[in-house]
């Protein structure tokens, strides 16, 4: 193989690699960038909606806490008081 043929081969390989491999990588990067932009835009709308619903969430947590308190402490205490009064 002559030096000129070797240079032609190197150039052809470089062009082929640039088109096939790097082209695919560039297309994947573009797709990922588009996906990230769309995802960030969606997250901004969701974050604003979640901040608006934060008082509702806190209210539900308080209701669940009161329910657990009544279930495990309040109702047995009332039952014990009723038993005490009725057994006197």
Protein backbone atom coordinates (compact mmCIF):
# COMPACT_ATOMS: atom_id res chain seq x y z
CA UNK A 1 0.00 0.00 0.00
CA UNK A 2 1.40 3.32 -1.03
CA UNK A 3 1.51 6.36 1.18
CA UNK A 4 -1.17 8.07 -0.92
CA UNK A 5 -3.51 5.10 -0.62
CA UNK A 6 -2.96 5.04 3.14
CA UNK A 7 -3.85 8.73 3.38
CA UNK A 8 -6.99 8.15 1.26
CA UNK A 9 -7.98 5.26 3.52
CA UNK A 10 -7.46 7.36 6.65
CA UNK A 11 -9.54 10.17 5.18
CA UNK A 12 -12.32 7.79 4.12
CA UNK A 13 -12.36 6.17 7.58
CA UNK A 14 -12.44 9.56 9.28
CA UNK A 15 -15.36 10.71 7.12
CA UNK A 16 -17.24 7.45 7.67
CA UNK A 17 -16.72 7.58 11.43
CA UNK A 18 -17.79 11.22 11.52
CA UNK A 19 -20.98 10.49 9.58
CA UNK A 20 -21.99 7.20 11.18
CA UNK A 21 -20.80 7.28 14.78
CA UNK A 22 -20.58 10.95 15.62
CA UNK A 23 -23.72 11.71 13.65
CA UNK A 24 -25.69 9.21 15.73
CA UNK A 25 -24.23 10.62 18.94
CA UNK A 26 -25.16 14.15 17.86
CA UNK A 27 -28.73 13.06 17.07
CA UNK A 28 -29.02 11.35 20.48
CA UNK A 29 -27.73 14.49 22.20
CA UNK A 30 -30.32 16.55 20.37
CA UNK A 31 -33.11 14.16 21.41
CA UNK A 32 -31.95 14.22 25.04
CA UNK A 33 -31.75 18.02 25.03
CA UNK A 34 -35.30 18.23 23.66
CA UNK A 35 -36.53 15.74 26.26
CA UNK A 36 -34.84 17.64 29.10
CA UNK A 37 -36.35 20.95 27.94
CA UNK A 38 -39.85 19.44 27.76
CA UNK A 39 -39.42 17.75 31.14
CA UNK A 40 -38.27 20.95 32.84
CA UNK A 41 -41.20 22.88 31.35
CA UNK A 42 -43.61 20.24 32.69
CA UNK A 43 -41.98 20.25 36.12
CA UNK A 44 -42.42 24.02 36.43
CA UNK A 45 -46.19 23.70 35.92
CA UNK A 46 -46.42 20.79 38.37
CA UNK A 47 -44.37 22.62 41.00
CA UNK A 48 -46.70 25.61 40.88
CA UNK A 49 -49.76 23.35 41.17
CA UNK A 50 -48.24 21.48 44.12
CA UNK A 51 -47.44 24.69 45.97
CA UNK A 52 -51.07 25.78 45.53
CA UNK A 53 -52.26 22.44 46.98
CA UNK A 54 -49.90 22.53 49.96
CA UNK A 55 -52.56 23.82 52.44
CA UNK A 56 -54.91 21.01 51.39
CA UNK A 57 -52.16 18.45 51.98
CA UNK A 58 -51.40 19.88 55.41
CA UNK A 59 -55.09 19.78 56.29
CA UNK A 60 -55.34 16.13 55.28
CA UNK A 61 -52.28 15.27 57.35
CA UNK A 62 -53.87 16.98 60.37
CA UNK A 63 -57.13 15.07 59.84
CA UNK A 64 -55.23 11.78 59.62
CA UNK A 65 -53.32 12.61 62.79
CA UNK A 66 -56.52 13.40 64.69
CA UNK A 67 -58.09 10.21 63.38
CA UNK A 68 -55.13 8.14 64.61
CA UNK A 69 -55.24 9.88 67.98
CA UNK A 70 -58.93 9.19 68.45
CA UNK A 71 -58.55 5.63 67.27
CA UNK A 72 -55.66 4.68 69.53
CA UNK A 73 -55.97 7.02 72.53
CA UNK A 74 -59.29 8.88 72.53
CA UNK A 75 -61.82 6.11 72.03
CA UNK A 76 -60.21 3.65 74.46
CA UNK A 77 -60.01 6.43 77.05
CA UNK A 78 -63.71 7.23 76.58
CA UNK A 79 -64.49 3.53 76.84
CA UNK A 80 -62.47 3.26 80.05
CA UNK A 81 -64.28 6.30 81.53
CA UNK A 82 -67.68 4.84 80.60
CA UNK A 83 -66.72 1.49 82.12
CA UNK A 84 -65.56 3.24 85.29
CA UNK A 85 -68.79 5.27 85.61
CA UNK A 86 -71.03 2.32 84.86
CA UNK A 87 -69.28 -0.03 87.22
CA UNK A 88 -69.49 2.37 90.19
